[in-house]
Structures are given as structure tokens and as C-alpha cells.
Amino acid sequence: MTAHSSPARPVLLGQNQYGKAENRVVRITRDGTTHHIKDLNVSVALSGDMDDVHYSGSNANVLPTDTTKNTVFAFAKEHGIESAEQFGIHLARHFVTSQEPIHRARIRIEEYAWERVEGTGADGEEIKHSFVRQGQETRLTQITFDGERWEVVSGLKDLVVLNSTNSEFWGYVKDKYTTLKETHDRILATEVSARWRFGWTDGEQPAPDWNESYEQTKRHMLRAFAETYSLSLQQTLYEMGARIIENRDEIDEVRFSLPNKHHFLVDLEPFGLKNDTADGAVYLAADRPYGLIEATVLRDGSEARIPADLTNL
């Protein structure tokens, strides 16, 4: 949004937005005795002709944030939740096309996964209505719509992965403050935070299968992590992104933030014990500080558009 000055003051109003954040919506779909669950955390941000509400307090162009909250729950009922991406698309299109002052909508969604708990009821039938919350990762998406163009950025956070070997770290720069010893066999572990941007921008064109895309993107990411003989976490990051770009035509850009979850061999020599990787090595899992490796991997010819700070997306 272009900055405008107040009529009476030499002060500029810059970019602004408003909405209702973190609407927790759970939808249970019953297919006979088999139940399905979708668990979302939805945040809505709207922008457009909002100068007057800032300058004079006039709410003539303001759709109440309580209304945006109600819309989230009503749409969960009316449209269902096929995927986080599709649900966000429905919401963004509604806000921009139904309210003239609103020119842009941004919908951020976290999706929490549940898996079915196996069991048998008193009637001997298999139980299909009990779930346990998965703790593996949180699925994410951000939908942005300005009335003409779409931008869909999906991803995940809190995905902890570890290779217990096939990782080295040596040949690095050393100065008078360097104490880290080179290693040719180390644990490589990280907590993956990743976002990927889809090439789909035209609502008239067929959209990707969002759920299939998420599962396959995650699969390629994990396969690359497992199969890369790593000489640095940077190398592993690049291979994870490259594998996604090479195998998923719908994705043009991948951004990673990978904290290096260090595992240090414990010095057990004071106790007369040899601690090496050959036989039951013992490590200290360090909490902090940690190395933080971040980078974007792009399809050739694409422009980087995902922010460097993934906490803002």
C-alpha cells in the first residue's frame, strides 16, 4: 500500500493490515462410524482503503475482526476443509471479492495432524473415532490474494531429523579462537523449518493437488536428508531443496532454516572409559547455542520471494 500523509500533519501512514489471528477451528466429518478430523489455526490479515480509520477513526471501510472470525468457522461448515491451502483460497477470495475496500487478503494456516487410535468397541466393531495428536511436525500454508494474482507458500516446522553417521566436518577455517576438532564421523541432526512457493498464480488455471504435493514434498526432503553423505549441513540443505525442485514441477522456490542440533562426544577418560563411535558412543545433546544454517533453493529462472526470516511467514 502506498504511504499517504495525513491531511493535517506531516506524518506518513505506511503499510497496514488488520484481521483476526489464531482462530482455532476443528471440523469432524462423519462417514458412518468412521470419523475424519481437520484441526487448523487460521489467521486472517486484510488491507486496502484503510486510511480514514487511522486518521479519523471512521470505521466506514472496516469489516470487524469478529466478522472475519465468524467467516472462518462458517466456511469450515459450508465448504469443508479439503486441505489447508484450499480452505485459505476460499477465505482469501471471499474477503477480497465481497468487500470493495479490501484489496488484499493474507491467510496463514497451521494444520495439526492426528492419527487414528486402533481399538475395538463393546460390540466387537473396530473403533474409528479415536485419535492421537501427531507430534512429528506442523503443516503450514500462507495464501495471499490481491484480486488478480495468487501466491501460495506452504511448508512445515518442528520436523526433527537425525543421521547417526555419514556426516563429517573438517577442512574449515581456523584462527586463534578455534577450538572445535575436525571429525570424520558425527551425528547430523536438525529441526527443519521449510517453506516452498508454488508456481500457481492464476486462479483460472488448475491448482495442484495440495495434499499430494505436501506429502511428496516432505518425502523428497526426507529422502535427500537420509541419502546425502554430508560434509556440511549447507550441502545437505541444498540437496534437500534441489530434490524438491527436481521432482515437484509445481514448486519454484524452497527456503530452509536449519538449526544444527549439536551432539558432542562426552569425555569419559577421567573415568577410565574410552568413548568412541565404534561401540556404543555416548553424546551430549546440546540445547544452545546452535549453528543456524539458512538458504533458498530456486528453480532456474525463478525469483526469490520467500522472506529470509521464516518466523514472519
C-alpha atoms as a PDB file:
ATOM      1  CA  MET A   1       0.000   0.000   0.000  1.00  0.00           C
ATOM      2  CA  THR A   2       1.353   3.433  -0.930  1.00  0.00           C
ATOM      3  CA  ALA A   3       2.086   5.712   2.018  1.00  0.00           C
ATOM      4  CA  HIS A   4      -0.142   8.800   2.301  1.00  0.00           C
ATOM      5  CA  SER A   5       0.253  11.799   4.543  1.00  0.00           C
ATOM      6  CA  SER A   6      -2.384  12.916   6.978  1.00  0.00           C
ATOM      7  CA  PRO A   7      -4.309  15.987   5.714  1.00  0.00           C
ATOM      8  CA  ALA A   8      -3.362  17.973   8.806  1.00  0.00           C
ATOM      9  CA  ARG A   9       0.014  16.527   9.869  1.00  0.00           C
ATOM     10  CA  PRO A  10       3.356  15.875   8.155  1.00  0.00           C
ATOM     11  CA  VAL A  11       3.210  12.220   9.205  1.00  0.00           C
ATOM     12  CA  LEU A  12       3.000   9.256   6.859  1.00  0.00           C
ATOM     13  CA  LEU A  13       0.793   6.203   7.163  1.00  0.00           C
ATOM     14  CA  GLY A  14       2.667   3.238   5.793  1.00  0.00           C
ATOM     15  CA  GLN A  15       1.768  -0.389   5.179  1.00  0.00           C
ATOM     16  CA  ASN A  16      -1.077  -1.537   7.393  1.00  0.00           C
ATOM     17  CA  GLN A  17      -3.345  -4.525   7.831  1.00  0.00           C
ATOM     18  CA  TYR A  18      -5.825  -5.894  10.305  1.00  0.00           C
ATOM     19  CA  GLY A  19      -7.719  -9.105  10.983  1.00  0.00           C
ATOM     20  CA  LYS A  20      -8.316 -11.868  13.488  1.00  0.00           C
ATOM     21  CA  ALA A  21      -5.354 -14.054  14.415  1.00  0.00           C
ATOM     22  CA  GLU A  22      -5.234 -17.683  15.562  1.00  0.00           C
ATOM     23  CA  ASN A  23      -8.786 -18.848  15.043  1.00  0.00           C
ATOM     24  CA  ARG A  24      -8.710 -22.463  16.259  1.00  0.00           C
ATOM     25  CA  VAL A  25     -11.171 -24.459  14.201  1.00  0.00           C
ATOM     26  CA  VAL A  26     -11.698 -28.230  14.320  1.00  0.00           C
ATOM     27  CA  ARG A  27     -14.014 -29.978  11.862  1.00  0.00           C
ATOM     28  CA  ILE A  28     -15.192 -33.549  12.386  1.00  0.00           C
ATOM     29  CA  THR A  29     -16.621 -35.293   9.324  1.00  0.00           C
ATOM     30  CA  ARG A  30     -18.626 -38.454   9.962  1.00  0.00           C
ATOM     31  CA  ASP A  31     -18.645 -41.152   7.314  1.00  0.00           C
ATOM     32  CA  GLY A  32     -20.873 -43.622   9.113  1.00  0.00           C
ATOM     33  CA  THR A  33     -18.888 -44.833  12.100  1.00  0.00           C
ATOM     34  CA  THR A  34     -15.640 -43.624  10.517  1.00  0.00           C
ATOM     35  CA  HIS A  35     -14.770 -40.093  11.580  1.00  0.00           C
ATOM     36  CA  HIS A  36     -12.232 -37.719   9.985  1.00  0.00           C
ATOM     37  CA  ILE A  37     -10.643 -34.718  11.705  1.00  0.00           C
ATOM     38  CA  LYS A  38      -9.166 -31.455  10.442  1.00  0.00           C
ATOM     39  CA  ASP A  39      -7.502 -29.216  13.053  1.00  0.00           C
ATOM     40  CA  LEU A  40      -6.440 -25.736  11.929  1.00  0.00           C
ATOM     41  CA  ASN A  41      -5.133 -22.493  13.396  1.00  0.00           C
ATOM     42  CA  VAL A  42      -6.220 -19.748  10.965  1.00  0.00           C
ATOM     43  CA  SER A  43      -5.035 -16.128  10.929  1.00  0.00           C
ATOM     44  CA  VAL A  44      -6.622 -13.511   8.659  1.00  0.00           C
ATOM     45  CA  ALA A  45      -4.969 -10.221   7.634  1.00  0.00           C
ATOM     46  CA  LEU A  46      -6.741  -7.701   5.381  1.00  0.00           C
ATOM     47  CA  SER A  47      -5.517  -4.478   3.753  1.00  0.00           C
ATOM     48  CA  GLY A  48      -6.894  -1.880   1.363  1.00  0.00           C
ATOM     49  CA  ASP A  49      -8.559   1.530   1.694  1.00  0.00           C
ATOM     50  CA  MET A  50      -7.964   1.961   5.405  1.00  0.00           C
ATOM     51  CA  ASP A  51      -6.544   5.484   5.602  1.00  0.00           C
ATOM     52  CA  ASP A  52      -9.630   7.052   7.200  1.00  0.00           C
ATOM     53  CA  VAL A  53      -9.861   4.619  10.085  1.00  0.00           C
ATOM     54  CA  HIS A  54      -6.289   5.522  11.040  1.00  0.00           C
ATOM     55  CA  TYR A  55      -6.590   9.261  10.518  1.00  0.00           C
ATOM     56  CA  SER A  56     -10.099   9.925  11.860  1.00  0.00           C
ATOM     57  CA  GLY A  57     -11.287   6.690  13.409  1.00  0.00           C
ATOM     58  CA  SER A  58     -14.032   6.287  10.786  1.00  0.00           C
ATOM     59  CA  ASN A  59     -14.961   2.616  10.538  1.00  0.00           C
ATOM     60  CA  ALA A  60     -16.886   3.031   7.267  1.00  0.00           C
ATOM     61  CA  ASN A  61     -14.492   0.710   5.407  1.00  0.00           C
ATOM     62  CA  VAL A  62     -13.779  -1.669   8.278  1.00  0.00           C
ATOM     63  CA  LEU A  63     -15.098  -5.204   8.322  1.00  0.00           C
ATOM     64  CA  PRO A  64     -14.960  -6.133  12.031  1.00  0.00           C
ATOM     65  CA  THR A  65     -12.318  -8.650  13.008  1.00  0.00           C
ATOM     66  CA  ASP A  66     -15.081 -10.543  14.807  1.00  0.00           C
ATOM     67  CA  THR A  67     -16.747 -10.970  11.414  1.00  0.00           C
ATOM     68  CA  THR A  68     -13.571 -12.434   9.950  1.00  0.00           C
ATOM     69  CA  LYS A  69     -13.528 -14.908  12.844  1.00  0.00           C
ATOM     70  CA  ASN A  70     -17.132 -15.876  12.201  1.00  0.00           C
ATOM     71  CA  THR A  71     -16.368 -16.302   8.498  1.00  0.00           C
ATOM     72  CA  VAL A  72     -13.616 -18.810   9.263  1.00  0.00           C
ATOM     73  CA  PHE A  73     -15.994 -21.021  11.231  1.00  0.00           C
ATOM     74  CA  ALA A  74     -18.871 -20.614   8.781  1.00  0.00           C
ATOM     75  CA  PHE A  75     -16.643 -21.537   5.827  1.00  0.00           C
ATOM     76  CA  ALA A  76     -15.386 -24.612   7.689  1.00  0.00           C
ATOM     77  CA  LYS A  77     -19.018 -25.755   7.793  1.00  0.00           C
ATOM     78  CA  GLU A  78     -20.134 -24.565   4.348  1.00  0.00           C
ATOM     79  CA  HIS A  79     -17.077 -25.517   2.294  1.00  0.00           C
ATOM     80  CA  GLY A  80     -15.450 -28.186   4.430  1.00  0.00           C
ATOM     81  CA  ILE A  81     -11.660 -28.436   4.765  1.00  0.00           C
ATOM     82  CA  GLU A  82     -10.209 -30.429   1.896  1.00  0.00           C
ATOM     83  CA  SER A  83      -6.738 -29.008   2.546  1.00  0.00           C
ATOM     84  CA  ALA A  84      -5.272 -26.031   4.379  1.00  0.00           C
ATOM     85  CA  GLU A  85      -4.402 -24.452   1.029  1.00  0.00           C
ATOM     86  CA  GLN A  86      -7.860 -24.830  -0.483  1.00  0.00           C
ATOM     87  CA  PHE A  87      -9.531 -23.553   2.681  1.00  0.00           C
ATOM     88  CA  GLY A  88      -7.269 -20.482   2.656  1.00  0.00           C
ATOM     89  CA  ILE A  89      -8.063 -19.864  -1.008  1.00  0.00           C
ATOM     90  CA  HIS A  90     -11.813 -19.881  -0.285  1.00  0.00           C
ATOM     91  CA  LEU A  91     -11.331 -17.357   2.527  1.00  0.00           C
ATOM     92  CA  ALA A  92      -8.986 -15.015   0.648  1.00  0.00           C
ATOM     93  CA  ARG A  93     -11.244 -14.908  -2.421  1.00  0.00           C
ATOM     94  CA  HIS A  94     -14.283 -14.166  -0.256  1.00  0.00           C
ATOM     95  CA  PHE A  95     -12.760 -11.232   1.616  1.00  0.00           C
ATOM     96  CA  VAL A  96     -11.345  -9.533  -1.498  1.00  0.00           C
ATOM     97  CA  THR A  97     -14.355 -10.049  -3.763  1.00  0.00           C
ATOM     98  CA  SER A  98     -17.116  -9.355  -1.217  1.00  0.00           C
ATOM     99  CA  GLN A  99     -15.742  -6.142   0.311  1.00  0.00           C
ATOM    100  CA  GLU A 100     -14.815  -3.290  -2.063  1.00  0.00           C
ATOM    101  CA  PRO A 101     -12.412  -1.512   0.354  1.00  0.00           C
ATOM    102  CA  ILE A 102     -10.406  -4.721   0.852  1.00  0.00           C
ATOM    103  CA  HIS A 103      -7.768  -5.108  -1.869  1.00  0.00           C
ATOM    104  CA  ARG A 104      -5.601  -7.839  -0.413  1.00  0.00           C
ATOM    105  CA  ALA A 105      -6.110 -10.776   1.903  1.00  0.00           C
ATOM    106  CA  ARG A 106      -3.442 -12.913   3.532  1.00  0.00           C
ATOM    107  CA  ILE A 107      -4.485 -16.160   5.189  1.00  0.00           C
ATOM    108  CA  ARG A 108      -1.990 -18.048   7.342  1.00  0.00           C
ATOM    109  CA  ILE A 109      -2.833 -21.554   8.483  1.00  0.00           C
ATOM    110  CA  GLU A 110      -1.164 -24.066  10.747  1.00  0.00           C
ATOM    111  CA  GLU A 111      -2.513 -27.606  10.471  1.00  0.00           C
ATOM    112  CA  TYR A 112      -2.130 -30.119  13.293  1.00  0.00           C
ATOM    113  CA  ALA A 113      -2.122 -33.760  12.300  1.00  0.00           C
ATOM    114  CA  TRP A 114      -3.960 -36.562  14.091  1.00  0.00           C
ATOM    115  CA  GLU A 115      -3.700 -40.310  13.549  1.00  0.00           C
ATOM    116  CA  ARG A 116      -6.293 -42.918  14.300  1.00  0.00           C
ATOM    117  CA  VAL A 117      -6.086 -44.978  17.515  1.00  0.00           C
ATOM    118  CA  GLU A 118      -6.853 -48.636  16.909  1.00  0.00           C
ATOM    119  CA  GLY A 119      -9.378 -50.295  19.191  1.00  0.00           C
ATOM    120  CA  THR A 120     -12.473 -52.467  19.396  1.00  0.00           C
ATOM    121  CA  GLY A 121     -15.781 -51.394  20.885  1.00  0.00           C
ATOM    122  CA  ALA A 122     -18.095 -53.377  23.135  1.00  0.00           C
ATOM    123  CA  ASP A 123     -19.985 -54.522  20.028  1.00  0.00           C
ATOM    124  CA  GLY A 124     -16.817 -56.003  18.573  1.00  0.00           C
ATOM    125  CA  GLU A 125     -16.616 -53.391  15.831  1.00  0.00           C
ATOM    126  CA  GLU A 126     -13.366 -51.574  15.051  1.00  0.00           C
ATOM    127  CA  ILE A 127     -13.248 -48.112  16.639  1.00  0.00           C
ATOM    128  CA  LYS A 128     -12.805 -45.384  14.033  1.00  0.00           C
ATOM    129  CA  HIS A 129     -13.477 -42.273  16.057  1.00  0.00           C
ATOM    130  CA  SER A 130     -10.443 -42.068  18.364  1.00  0.00           C
ATOM    131  CA  PHE A 131      -7.310 -40.101  17.521  1.00  0.00           C
ATOM    132  CA  VAL A 132      -3.905 -39.261  18.965  1.00  0.00           C
ATOM    133  CA  ARG A 133      -2.216 -35.990  18.083  1.00  0.00           C
ATOM    134  CA  GLN A 134       0.875 -36.497  15.957  1.00  0.00           C
ATOM    135  CA  GLY A 135       3.946 -34.706  17.235  1.00  0.00           C
ATOM    136  CA  GLN A 136       6.101 -35.022  14.144  1.00  0.00           C
ATOM    137  CA  GLU A 137       5.634 -31.630  12.526  1.00  0.00           C
ATOM    138  CA  THR A 138       3.189 -28.787  11.955  1.00  0.00           C
ATOM    139  CA  ARG A 139       1.981 -28.199   8.409  1.00  0.00           C
ATOM    140  CA  LEU A 140       1.816 -24.572   7.297  1.00  0.00           C
ATOM    141  CA  THR A 141       0.429 -22.502   4.453  1.00  0.00           C
ATOM    142  CA  GLN A 142       0.058 -18.822   3.581  1.00  0.00           C
ATOM    143  CA  ILE A 143      -2.431 -17.703   0.924  1.00  0.00           C
ATOM    144  CA  THR A 144      -2.222 -14.165  -0.486  1.00  0.00           C
ATOM    145  CA  PHE A 145      -4.735 -12.753  -2.994  1.00  0.00           C
ATOM    146  CA  ASP A 146      -4.977  -9.218  -4.396  1.00  0.00           C
ATOM    147  CA  GLY A 147      -7.995  -9.717  -6.621  1.00  0.00           C
ATOM    148  CA  GLU A 148      -5.930 -10.851  -9.615  1.00  0.00           C
ATOM    149  CA  ARG A 149      -2.917 -12.891  -8.583  1.00  0.00           C
ATOM    150  CA  TRP A 150      -2.485 -15.659  -6.058  1.00  0.00           C
ATOM    151  CA  GLU A 151       0.587 -16.573  -4.068  1.00  0.00           C
ATOM    152  CA  VAL A 152       0.623 -19.856  -2.167  1.00  0.00           C
ATOM    153  CA  VAL A 153       3.545 -20.616   0.150  1.00  0.00           C
ATOM    154  CA  SER A 154       3.306 -23.852   2.105  1.00  0.00           C
ATOM    155  CA  GLY A 155       5.708 -25.658   4.383  1.00  0.00           C
ATOM    156  CA  LEU A 156       6.317 -27.179   7.765  1.00  0.00           C
ATOM    157  CA  LYS A 157       8.084 -26.580  11.068  1.00  0.00           C
ATOM    158  CA  ASP A 158       9.281 -28.634  14.056  1.00  0.00           C
ATOM    159  CA  LEU A 159      10.325 -31.639  11.934  1.00  0.00           C
ATOM    160  CA  VAL A 160      13.279 -33.136  13.855  1.00  0.00           C
ATOM    161  CA  VAL A 161      15.583 -35.419  11.846  1.00  0.00           C
ATOM    162  CA  LEU A 162      18.870 -37.145  12.666  1.00  0.00           C
ATOM    163  CA  ASN A 163      21.555 -39.133  10.854  1.00  0.00           C
ATOM    164  CA  SER A 164      23.720 -41.125  13.274  1.00  0.00           C
ATOM    165  CA  THR A 165      26.568 -41.383  10.738  1.00  0.00           C
ATOM    166  CA  ASN A 166      27.516 -40.456   7.132  1.00  0.00           C
ATOM    167  CA  SER A 167      28.353 -36.926   8.238  1.00  0.00           C
ATOM    168  CA  GLU A 168      31.746 -35.221   8.506  1.00  0.00           C
ATOM    169  CA  PHE A 169      33.006 -31.734   9.269  1.00  0.00           C
ATOM    170  CA  TRP A 170      36.598 -30.812   8.526  1.00  0.00           C
ATOM    171  CA  GLY A 171      38.783 -28.528   6.390  1.00  0.00           C
ATOM    172  CA  TYR A 172      37.211 -25.359   7.778  1.00  0.00           C
ATOM    173  CA  VAL A 173      38.903 -22.023   8.514  1.00  0.00           C
ATOM    174  CA  LYS A 174      40.819 -21.931  11.799  1.00  0.00           C
ATOM    175  CA  ASP A 175      42.022 -18.936  13.729  1.00  0.00           C
ATOM    176  CA  LYS A 176      43.300 -18.340  17.264  1.00  0.00           C
ATOM    177  CA  TYR A 177      39.775 -18.709  18.673  1.00  0.00           C
ATOM    178  CA  THR A 178      39.041 -22.065  17.022  1.00  0.00           C
ATOM    179  CA  THR A 179      38.813 -24.991  19.425  1.00  0.00           C
ATOM    180  CA  LEU A 180      36.440 -27.298  17.508  1.00  0.00           C
ATOM    181  CA  LYS A 181      38.116 -30.542  16.462  1.00  0.00           C
ATOM    182  CA  GLU A 182      37.662 -31.920  12.969  1.00  0.00           C
ATOM    183  CA  THR A 183      35.536 -35.041  12.691  1.00  0.00           C
ATOM    184  CA  HIS A 184      35.037 -37.668  10.009  1.00  0.00           C
ATOM    185  CA  ASP A 185      32.074 -39.348  11.700  1.00  0.00           C
ATOM    186  CA  ARG A 186      29.471 -37.288  13.520  1.00  0.00           C
ATOM    187  CA  ILE A 187      25.774 -37.111  14.279  1.00  0.00           C
ATOM    188  CA  LEU A 188      23.921 -34.699  11.995  1.00  0.00           C
ATOM    189  CA  ALA A 189      20.618 -33.516  13.448  1.00  0.00           C
ATOM    190  CA  THR A 190      18.354 -30.555  12.794  1.00  0.00           C
ATOM    191  CA  GLU A 191      14.825 -29.266  13.312  1.00  0.00           C
ATOM    192  CA  VAL A 192      13.558 -28.451   9.837  1.00  0.00           C
ATOM    193  CA  SER A 193      11.635 -25.271   9.174  1.00  0.00           C
ATOM    194  CA  ALA A 194      10.850 -25.066   5.449  1.00  0.00           C
ATOM    195  CA  ARG A 195       8.620 -23.048   3.134  1.00  0.00           C
ATOM    196  CA  TRP A 196       8.023 -23.659  -0.560  1.00  0.00           C
ATOM    197  CA  ARG A 197       6.363 -21.376  -3.093  1.00  0.00           C
ATOM    198  CA  PHE A 198       4.100 -22.705  -5.803  1.00  0.00           C
ATOM    199  CA  GLY A 199       4.221 -21.518  -9.406  1.00  0.00           C
ATOM    200  CA  TRP A 200       0.403 -21.420  -9.449  1.00  0.00           C
ATOM    201  CA  THR A 201      -0.679 -17.762  -9.503  1.00  0.00           C
ATOM    202  CA  ASP A 202      -3.663 -17.736 -11.870  1.00  0.00           C
ATOM    203  CA  GLY A 203      -6.948 -18.834 -10.331  1.00  0.00           C
ATOM    204  CA  GLU A 204      -8.257 -19.740 -13.781  1.00  0.00           C
ATOM    205  CA  GLN A 205      -5.638 -22.477 -14.118  1.00  0.00           C
ATOM    206  CA  PRO A 206      -5.956 -25.872 -12.388  1.00  0.00           C
ATOM    207  CA  ALA A 207      -4.432 -25.803  -8.906  1.00  0.00           C
ATOM    208  CA  PRO A 208      -2.094 -28.520  -7.654  1.00  0.00           C
ATOM    209  CA  ASP A 209      -3.347 -31.382  -5.533  1.00  0.00           C
ATOM    210  CA  TRP A 210      -2.341 -29.670  -2.300  1.00  0.00           C
ATOM    211  CA  ASN A 211      -2.369 -32.737  -0.057  1.00  0.00           C
ATOM    212  CA  GLU A 212      -0.469 -34.916  -2.531  1.00  0.00           C
ATOM    213  CA  SER A 213       2.045 -32.120  -3.084  1.00  0.00           C
ATOM    214  CA  TYR A 214       2.673 -31.774   0.655  1.00  0.00           C
ATOM    215  CA  GLU A 215       3.202 -35.498   1.210  1.00  0.00           C
ATOM    216  CA  GLN A 216       5.518 -35.892  -1.782  1.00  0.00           C
ATOM    217  CA  THR A 217       7.498 -32.735  -0.993  1.00  0.00           C
ATOM    218  CA  LYS A 218       8.084 -33.943   2.550  1.00  0.00           C
ATOM    219  CA  ARG A 219       9.035 -37.389   1.207  1.00  0.00           C
ATOM    220  CA  HIS A 220      11.659 -35.976  -1.178  1.00  0.00           C
ATOM    221  CA  MET A 221      13.006 -33.718   1.573  1.00  0.00           C
ATOM    222  CA  LEU A 222      13.481 -36.626   3.979  1.00  0.00           C
ATOM    223  CA  ARG A 223      14.933 -38.934   1.326  1.00  0.00           C
ATOM    224  CA  ALA A 224      17.514 -36.294   0.441  1.00  0.00           C
ATOM    225  CA  PHE A 225      18.422 -35.848   4.105  1.00  0.00           C
ATOM    226  CA  ALA A 226      18.868 -39.592   4.564  1.00  0.00           C
ATOM    227  CA  GLU A 227      20.709 -40.275   1.303  1.00  0.00           C
ATOM    228  CA  THR A 228      23.184 -37.368   1.284  1.00  0.00           C
ATOM    229  CA  TYR A 229      26.653 -38.188   2.615  1.00  0.00           C
ATOM    230  CA  SER A 230      27.119 -34.855   4.307  1.00  0.00           C
ATOM    231  CA  LEU A 231      30.315 -32.834   4.556  1.00  0.00           C
ATOM    232  CA  SER A 232      28.349 -29.837   5.851  1.00  0.00           C
ATOM    233  CA  LEU A 233      24.785 -29.024   6.819  1.00  0.00           C
ATOM    234  CA  GLN A 234      24.808 -26.479   3.990  1.00  0.00           C
ATOM    235  CA  GLN A 235      25.404 -29.285   1.491  1.00  0.00           C
ATOM    236  CA  THR A 236      22.534 -31.297   2.954  1.00  0.00           C
ATOM    237  CA  LEU A 237      20.230 -28.268   2.838  1.00  0.00           C
ATOM    238  CA  TYR A 238      20.984 -27.718  -0.846  1.00  0.00           C
ATOM    239  CA  GLU A 239      20.372 -31.371  -1.700  1.00  0.00           C
ATOM    240  CA  MET A 240      17.028 -31.300   0.142  1.00  0.00           C
ATOM    241  CA  GLY A 241      15.906 -28.250  -1.805  1.00  0.00           C
ATOM    242  CA  ALA A 242      17.279 -29.497  -5.117  1.00  0.00           C
ATOM    243  CA  ARG A 243      15.486 -32.827  -4.750  1.00  0.00           C
ATOM    244  CA  ILE A 244      12.191 -30.987  -4.255  1.00  0.00           C
ATOM    245  CA  ILE A 245      12.700 -28.662  -7.240  1.00  0.00           C
ATOM    246  CA  GLU A 246      13.754 -31.526  -9.496  1.00  0.00           C
ATOM    247  CA  ASN A 247      10.797 -33.748  -8.590  1.00  0.00           C
ATOM    248  CA  ARG A 248       7.920 -31.343  -7.954  1.00  0.00           C
ATOM    249  CA  ASP A 249       7.137 -29.240 -11.027  1.00  0.00           C
ATOM    250  CA  GLU A 250       4.561 -27.161  -9.152  1.00  0.00           C
ATOM    251  CA  ILE A 251       7.204 -25.687  -6.795  1.00  0.00           C
ATOM    252  CA  ASP A 252       9.586 -22.888  -7.849  1.00  0.00           C
ATOM    253  CA  GLU A 253      11.299 -21.918  -4.585  1.00  0.00           C
ATOM    254  CA  VAL A 254      12.219 -23.579  -1.281  1.00  0.00           C
ATOM    255  CA  ARG A 255      13.511 -21.767   1.800  1.00  0.00           C
ATOM    256  CA  PHE A 256      15.086 -23.634   4.728  1.00  0.00           C
ATOM    257  CA  SER A 257      16.048 -22.645   8.250  1.00  0.00           C
ATOM    258  CA  LEU A 258      18.046 -25.476   9.833  1.00  0.00           C
ATOM    259  CA  PRO A 259      19.425 -25.180  13.372  1.00  0.00           C
ATOM    260  CA  ASN A 260      22.317 -27.596  13.850  1.00  0.00           C
ATOM    261  CA  LYS A 261      21.315 -29.693  16.855  1.00  0.00           C
ATOM    262  CA  HIS A 262      24.840 -30.457  18.034  1.00  0.00           C
ATOM    263  CA  HIS A 263      25.764 -33.794  19.593  1.00  0.00           C
ATOM    264  CA  PHE A 264      29.198 -33.833  21.234  1.00  0.00           C
ATOM    265  CA  LEU A 265      31.088 -36.936  22.307  1.00  0.00           C
ATOM    266  CA  VAL A 266      31.362 -36.888  26.100  1.00  0.00           C
ATOM    267  CA  ASP A 267      34.879 -37.035  27.566  1.00  0.00           C
ATOM    268  CA  LEU A 268      34.819 -40.201  29.684  1.00  0.00           C
ATOM    269  CA  GLU A 269      38.597 -40.613  30.040  1.00  0.00           C
ATOM    270  CA  PRO A 270      38.545 -39.313  33.659  1.00  0.00           C
ATOM    271  CA  PHE A 271      36.549 -42.463  34.478  1.00  0.00           C
ATOM    272  CA  GLY A 272      38.848 -44.780  32.590  1.00  0.00           C
ATOM    273  CA  LEU A 273      36.363 -45.228  29.747  1.00  0.00           C
ATOM    274  CA  LYS A 274      37.055 -44.929  26.047  1.00  0.00           C
ATOM    275  CA  ASN A 275      34.208 -43.170  24.273  1.00  0.00           C
ATOM    276  CA  ASP A 276      34.359 -43.565  20.505  1.00  0.00           C
ATOM    277  CA  THR A 277      31.942 -44.237  17.688  1.00  0.00           C
ATOM    278  CA  ALA A 278      32.976 -47.868  17.288  1.00  0.00           C
ATOM    279  CA  ASP A 279      30.999 -49.238  20.228  1.00  0.00           C
ATOM    280  CA  GLY A 280      28.072 -47.544  21.963  1.00  0.00           C
ATOM    281  CA  ALA A 281      29.262 -43.949  21.884  1.00  0.00           C
ATOM    282  CA  VAL A 282      27.693 -41.520  24.382  1.00  0.00           C
ATOM    283  CA  TYR A 283      26.882 -37.955  23.327  1.00  0.00           C
ATOM    284  CA  LEU A 284      25.827 -34.717  24.970  1.00  0.00           C
ATOM    285  CA  ALA A 285      22.826 -33.319  23.094  1.00  0.00           C
ATOM    286  CA  ALA A 286      23.490 -29.578  23.284  1.00  0.00           C
ATOM    287  CA  ASP A 287      20.489 -27.282  23.609  1.00  0.00           C
ATOM    288  CA  ARG A 288      22.183 -23.944  22.830  1.00  0.00           C
ATOM    289  CA  PRO A 289      23.961 -22.146  21.363  1.00  0.00           C
ATOM    290  CA  TYR A 290      23.480 -23.746  17.966  1.00  0.00           C
ATOM    291  CA  GLY A 291      24.640 -23.171  14.430  1.00  0.00           C
ATOM    292  CA  LEU A 292      21.833 -21.831  12.235  1.00  0.00           C
ATOM    293  CA  ILE A 293      22.007 -22.620   8.534  1.00  0.00           C
ATOM    294  CA  GLU A 294      19.564 -20.853   6.203  1.00  0.00           C
ATOM    295  CA  ALA A 295      19.274 -20.669   2.423  1.00  0.00           C
ATOM    296  CA  THR A 296      16.897 -20.562  -0.533  1.00  0.00           C
ATOM    297  CA  VAL A 297      16.954 -23.063  -3.411  1.00  0.00           C
ATOM    298  CA  LEU A 298      15.340 -21.867  -6.645  1.00  0.00           C
ATOM    299  CA  ARG A 299      14.207 -23.259  -9.964  1.00  0.00           C
ATOM    300  CA  ASP A 300      16.402 -21.797 -12.704  1.00  0.00           C
ATOM    301  CA  GLY A 301      14.778 -18.579 -13.911  1.00  0.00           C
ATOM    302  CA  SER A 302      12.685 -18.060 -10.767  1.00  0.00           C
ATOM    303  CA  GLU A 303      12.899 -15.084  -8.416  1.00  0.00           C
ATOM    304  CA  ALA A 304      13.341 -15.465  -4.663  1.00  0.00           C
ATOM    305  CA  ARG A 305      10.220 -14.164  -2.915  1.00  0.00           C
ATOM    306  CA  ILE A 306      10.060 -16.078   0.382  1.00  0.00           C
ATOM    307  CA  PRO A 307      11.288 -13.827   3.251  1.00  0.00           C
ATOM    308  CA  ALA A 308      14.628 -14.676   4.830  1.00  0.00           C
ATOM    309  CA  ASP A 309      13.008 -14.670   8.280  1.00  0.00           C
ATOM    310  CA  LEU A 310      10.599 -17.593   8.227  1.00  0.00           C
ATOM    311  CA  THR A 311       9.055 -16.541  11.532  1.00  0.00           C
ATOM    312  CA  ASN A 312       7.335 -13.788   9.531  1.00  0.00           C
ATOM    313  CA  LEU A 313       5.682 -16.271   7.188  1.00  0.00           C
END
